[in-house]
Amino acid sequence: MRSSSRSDVPEAASFPPVVGHDPGILVLGSMPGVRSLERQQYYAHPRNAFWPVMAEVFGFDAALPYEARLAQLAAHGVALWDVLAQCRRPGSLDAAIERDSIVCNDFSAFLARHGGIRRICFNGATAEQLFRRHALPGLAERQLPELVRLPSTSPAHAGMVFEEKLRQWRAALAV
């Protein structure tokens, strides 16, 4: 049996967290997709519902320039990051993440620096699963905010209509 080497798949590295003055909520994705990595912007795929959902929840225009959208999140106490710091993944699908390549972000240090975070919202099941498997074991109970899984805003998660995603995200982001 021939073993396959995955060295031909490039490493993907996440972005630094987007954090305002005093965040109360941390929204976590798994790892930026190809389009986001190319543009160096969270949720850059035009069919991803993340920015339209945030715009509806917080009352801003989803067409604002990227930096202005980030400022809107920060102004509403929302920090943005990914569970993974790096991994190998051909394409953008979370299912393609090569498990032996996973490097998790340092949530212990992050939560210690941002003690006002009361809720972590996961953008989809994979983000939650990766967090529980790779980050949670290193966190002290006293560090744990409420953990909430939300429907993925990815265009790959087409089984739920926008209005239902919006309803769930609105409820979770109201703190």
Protein backbone atom coordinates (compact mmCIF):
# COMPACT_ATOMS: atom_id res chain seq x y z
CA MET A 1 0.00 0.00 0.00
CA ARG A 2 1.42 3.34 -1.06
CA SER A 3 1.38 6.17 1.44
CA SER A 4 0.40 9.53 0.09
CA SER A 5 2.25 12.66 1.01
CA ARG A 6 0.23 15.83 1.45
CA SER A 7 3.24 18.13 1.29
CA ASP A 8 1.85 19.45 -2.01
CA VAL A 9 -1.03 21.09 -0.10
CA PRO A 10 0.03 24.53 1.12
CA GLU A 11 -0.29 25.59 4.74
CA ALA A 12 -3.12 28.01 5.40
CA ALA A 13 -2.63 30.54 8.18
CA SER A 14 -5.44 32.40 9.87
CA PHE A 15 -5.58 36.13 10.54
CA PRO A 16 -4.98 37.97 13.79
CA PRO A 17 -8.08 38.45 15.90
CA VAL A 18 -10.20 41.54 15.36
CA VAL A 19 -10.79 42.94 18.83
CA GLY A 20 -12.20 46.26 19.92
CA HIS A 21 -11.89 47.99 23.28
CA ASP A 22 -14.07 45.74 25.45
CA PRO A 23 -15.54 42.73 23.61
CA GLY A 24 -18.33 40.71 25.18
CA ILE A 25 -18.71 38.19 22.37
CA LEU A 26 -16.13 36.25 20.40
CA VAL A 27 -17.24 34.86 17.02
CA LEU A 28 -15.11 31.96 15.86
CA GLY A 29 -14.85 30.39 12.44
CA SER A 30 -12.73 27.35 11.72
CA MET A 31 -10.20 28.69 9.16
CA PRO A 32 -10.61 31.28 6.41
CA GLY A 33 -11.53 29.94 2.99
CA VAL A 34 -9.49 30.41 -0.16
CA ARG A 35 -11.21 33.68 -1.14
CA SER A 36 -10.71 35.12 2.35
CA LEU A 37 -7.06 34.09 2.38
CA GLU A 38 -6.51 35.66 -1.04
CA ARG A 39 -8.12 38.94 0.03
CA GLN A 40 -6.83 38.78 3.63
CA GLN A 41 -10.34 39.48 4.90
CA TYR A 42 -12.66 37.51 7.12
CA TYR A 43 -15.67 36.09 5.23
CA ALA A 44 -14.68 37.49 1.83
CA HIS A 45 -16.61 34.99 -0.30
CA PRO A 46 -19.45 36.98 -1.89
CA ARG A 47 -22.02 34.27 -1.11
CA ASN A 48 -21.05 33.93 2.55
CA ALA A 49 -23.91 35.30 4.65
CA PHE A 50 -21.70 36.51 7.52
CA TRP A 51 -21.56 40.19 6.60
CA PRO A 52 -25.24 40.42 5.55
CA VAL A 53 -26.21 38.79 8.88
CA MET A 54 -23.98 41.17 10.88
CA ALA A 55 -25.34 44.14 8.94
CA GLU A 56 -28.92 43.14 9.76
CA VAL A 57 -28.18 42.44 13.42
CA PHE A 58 -26.23 45.65 14.06
CA GLY A 59 -27.86 48.01 11.56
CA PHE A 60 -25.06 48.86 9.14
CA ASP A 61 -24.62 48.53 5.39
CA ALA A 62 -23.07 45.19 4.39
CA ALA A 63 -21.44 47.00 1.44
CA LEU A 64 -19.31 49.19 3.70
CA PRO A 65 -15.56 48.88 3.15
CA TYR A 66 -14.03 45.96 5.04
CA GLU A 67 -12.33 48.10 7.71
CA ALA A 68 -15.62 49.90 8.40
CA ARG A 69 -17.44 46.56 8.84
CA LEU A 70 -14.75 45.44 11.29
CA ALA A 71 -15.18 48.73 13.17
CA GLN A 72 -18.93 48.10 13.39
CA LEU A 73 -18.34 44.71 14.99
CA ALA A 74 -15.87 46.20 17.47
CA ALA A 75 -18.29 49.03 18.29
CA HIS A 76 -20.91 46.42 19.16
CA GLY A 77 -18.56 44.43 21.41
CA VAL A 78 -17.93 41.60 18.97
CA ALA A 79 -14.46 40.14 18.46
CA LEU A 80 -13.70 37.95 15.45
CA TRP A 81 -11.18 35.13 15.09
CA ASP A 82 -10.73 31.51 14.01
CA VAL A 83 -10.19 28.36 16.01
CA LEU A 84 -7.21 27.32 13.92
CA ALA A 85 -4.00 29.29 13.58
CA GLN A 86 -2.91 27.10 10.68
CA CYS A 87 -3.61 23.89 8.84
CA ARG A 88 -3.34 22.25 5.45
CA ARG A 89 -6.54 22.21 3.47
CA PRO A 90 -7.01 21.82 -0.26
CA GLY A 91 -9.81 24.22 -1.18
CA SER A 92 -12.16 25.87 1.29
CA LEU A 93 -14.25 23.08 2.76
CA ASP A 94 -13.77 22.37 6.45
CA ALA A 95 -14.12 18.66 5.73
CA ALA A 96 -10.85 18.85 3.74
CA ILE A 97 -8.75 20.07 6.70
CA GLU A 98 -5.91 17.62 7.20
CA ARG A 99 -6.26 16.71 10.87
CA ASP A 100 -2.54 16.05 11.40
CA SER A 101 -1.74 19.62 10.32
CA ILE A 102 -3.94 21.46 12.83
CA VAL A 103 -2.43 24.19 14.99
CA CYS A 104 -4.93 25.82 17.34
CA ASN A 105 -4.91 29.49 18.32
CA ASP A 106 -3.96 30.32 21.92
CA PHE A 107 -7.33 30.84 23.57
CA SER A 108 -5.98 30.69 27.10
CA ALA A 109 -3.90 33.83 26.52
CA PHE A 110 -6.64 35.49 24.46
CA LEU A 111 -9.35 34.98 27.09
CA ALA A 112 -6.98 36.10 29.84
CA ARG A 113 -6.37 39.37 27.94
CA HIS A 114 -10.07 39.84 27.15
CA GLY A 115 -11.78 38.87 30.38
CA GLY A 116 -15.03 40.59 29.42
CA ILE A 117 -15.92 37.93 26.85
CA ARG A 118 -19.10 36.30 28.11
CA ARG A 119 -20.03 34.24 25.07
CA ILE A 120 -18.21 32.42 22.30
CA CYS A 121 -20.32 31.95 19.17
CA PHE A 122 -19.18 29.31 16.70
CA ASN A 123 -19.85 29.93 13.03
CA GLY A 124 -20.90 26.37 12.31
CA ALA A 125 -20.44 22.89 13.72
CA THR A 126 -16.85 22.41 12.57
CA ALA A 127 -15.64 25.51 14.40
CA GLU A 128 -17.28 24.23 17.58
CA GLN A 129 -15.90 20.71 17.16
CA LEU A 130 -12.38 21.97 16.51
CA PHE A 131 -12.56 24.27 19.54
CA ARG A 132 -13.83 21.50 21.82
CA ARG A 133 -11.17 19.06 20.59
CA HIS A 134 -8.13 21.34 20.34
CA ALA A 135 -8.70 24.40 22.56
CA LEU A 136 -11.04 23.39 25.35
CA PRO A 137 -8.69 20.88 27.03
CA GLY A 138 -6.19 23.70 27.67
CA LEU A 139 -8.70 26.09 29.24
CA ALA A 140 -9.48 26.37 32.91
CA GLU A 141 -13.15 26.14 33.87
CA ARG A 142 -13.06 29.67 35.28
CA GLN A 143 -11.99 30.97 31.87
CA LEU A 144 -14.95 29.53 30.04
CA PRO A 145 -17.61 31.84 28.72
CA GLU A 146 -20.90 30.48 27.42
CA LEU A 147 -20.39 28.42 24.24
CA VAL A 148 -23.03 28.72 21.48
CA ARG A 149 -23.03 26.92 18.14
CA LEU A 150 -24.71 28.89 15.35
CA PRO A 151 -25.56 27.87 11.81
CA SER A 152 -22.68 28.31 9.43
CA THR A 153 -22.87 31.38 7.22
CA SER A 154 -20.85 29.55 4.54
CA PRO A 155 -22.40 29.13 1.10
CA ALA A 156 -21.70 25.40 1.58
CA HIS A 157 -24.39 25.39 4.30
CA ALA A 158 -27.33 25.96 2.00
CA GLY A 159 -29.75 23.77 3.93
CA MET A 160 -31.03 26.68 6.02
CA VAL A 161 -32.63 29.83 4.69
CA PHE A 162 -31.06 33.21 5.40
CA GLU A 163 -33.97 34.33 7.63
CA GLU A 164 -33.49 31.37 9.98
CA LYS A 165 -29.73 31.90 10.16
CA LEU A 166 -30.39 35.57 10.90
CA ARG A 167 -32.90 34.73 13.66
CA GLN A 168 -30.43 32.44 15.44
CA TRP A 169 -27.48 34.81 15.06
CA ARG A 170 -29.57 37.79 16.26
CA ALA A 171 -30.59 35.90 19.40
CA ALA A 172 -27.02 34.85 20.19
CA LEU A 173 -25.51 38.28 19.63
CA ALA A 174 -28.00 40.07 21.88
CA VAL A 175 -26.16 40.32 25.21
